[in-house]
Protein backbone atom coordinates (compact mmCIF):
# COMPACT_ATOMS: atom_id res chain seq x y z
CA MET A 1 3.04 -11.00 5.60
CA LYS A 2 5.13 -11.83 2.58
CA THR A 3 7.28 -9.06 1.17
CA THR A 4 9.73 -8.52 -1.66
CA LYS A 5 13.39 -7.47 -1.22
CA TYR A 6 12.47 -4.12 -2.67
CA PHE A 7 9.83 -3.52 -0.03
CA ASN A 8 12.27 -4.54 2.74
CA TYR A 9 14.88 -2.08 1.25
CA THR A 10 12.51 0.84 0.95
CA ARG A 11 11.24 0.34 4.50
CA GLU A 12 14.64 1.74 5.65
CA ARG A 13 13.77 5.17 4.15
CA THR A 14 12.77 7.70 6.85
CA ASP A 15 9.39 8.44 5.20
CA ARG A 16 8.49 4.74 4.80
CA SER A 17 9.67 3.52 8.12
CA LYS A 18 6.79 5.38 9.79
CA ILE A 19 4.24 3.22 7.93
CA LYS A 20 2.99 0.62 10.37
CA ILE A 21 2.60 -3.01 9.28
CA GLU A 22 -0.95 -3.02 10.73
CA TRP A 23 -1.79 -0.13 8.39
CA ILE A 24 -0.51 -2.17 5.38
CA GLU A 25 -2.49 -5.18 6.54
CA HIS A 26 -5.60 -3.00 6.92
CA VAL A 27 -5.26 -1.70 3.31
CA ILE A 28 -4.87 -5.26 1.93
CA THR A 29 -7.97 -6.60 3.74
CA ASN A 30 -10.15 -3.40 3.63
CA PRO A 31 -9.30 -1.48 0.51
CA GLU A 32 -11.47 1.47 -0.40
CA LYS A 33 -10.26 0.98 -4.04
CA SER A 34 -8.34 -1.60 -5.96
CA GLU A 35 -6.84 -1.71 -9.41
CA ILE A 36 -4.88 -4.27 -11.47
CA GLN A 37 -1.84 -2.72 -13.17
CA SER A 38 -0.88 -3.59 -16.76
CA ASP A 39 1.98 -5.76 -15.24
CA GLY A 40 -0.49 -7.76 -13.09
CA ARG A 41 0.29 -6.11 -9.82
CA ILE A 42 -2.48 -4.94 -7.63
CA ARG A 43 -2.89 -1.49 -6.24
CA LYS A 44 -4.96 -0.94 -3.08
CA TRP A 45 -5.82 2.21 -1.22
CA ALA A 46 -7.39 2.98 2.07
CA LYS A 47 -7.43 6.01 4.40
CA ILE A 48 -5.41 5.80 7.57
CA PRO A 49 -7.31 7.94 10.08
CA GLU A 50 -4.38 8.18 12.50
CA VAL A 51 -2.38 10.29 9.96
CA ASN A 52 -5.36 11.45 7.77
CA LYS A 53 -3.73 10.20 4.57
CA TYR A 54 -4.28 7.56 1.98
CA LEU A 55 -1.96 4.62 1.96
CA ARG A 56 -1.33 2.85 -1.41
CA VAL A 57 -0.13 -0.77 -1.20
CA ILE A 58 1.22 -2.57 -4.29
CA ILE A 59 0.88 -6.35 -4.16
CA LEU A 60 2.40 -8.85 -6.64
CA GLU A 61 0.28 -10.93 -9.00
CA ASP A 62 0.13 -13.70 -6.38
CA GLY A 63 -2.30 -11.53 -4.37
CA GLU A 64 -0.35 -11.68 -1.14
CA THR A 65 3.28 -10.44 -1.43
CA VAL A 66 3.70 -6.85 -0.62
CA HIS A 67 5.99 -5.01 -3.03
CA ASN A 68 5.53 -1.36 -2.06
CA ALA A 69 3.56 0.84 0.36
CA PHE A 70 3.50 4.72 0.60
CA PHE A 71 1.25 7.56 1.37
CA ASP A 72 -0.36 8.54 -1.90
CA ARG A 73 -0.42 12.40 -2.05
CA ASN A 74 -2.30 12.40 -5.35
CA TYR A 75 -5.21 10.10 -4.33
CA LYS A 76 -8.51 11.80 -4.36
CA GLU A 77 -11.43 10.47 -2.26
CA ASN A 78 -13.85 10.87 -5.08
CA GLU A 79 -11.84 8.57 -7.32
CA LYS A 80 -13.39 5.48 -5.71
């Protein structure tokens, strides 16, 4: 999995270090929702049953480099 320096830096935060790489890969390959941001980056969401939360993963324009990943407290299931 390709990542940005920003992603690697934020992985050191306590709240982000708990996010498993396999969860990120799951969101990338099986998103429940995807959006393209105005800057070309791609947002993807999927529910992680183990923690009962939605994980948002931000991917660069190349479609494969992970820039950010975090649990999205504001995501609503009916937004699909």
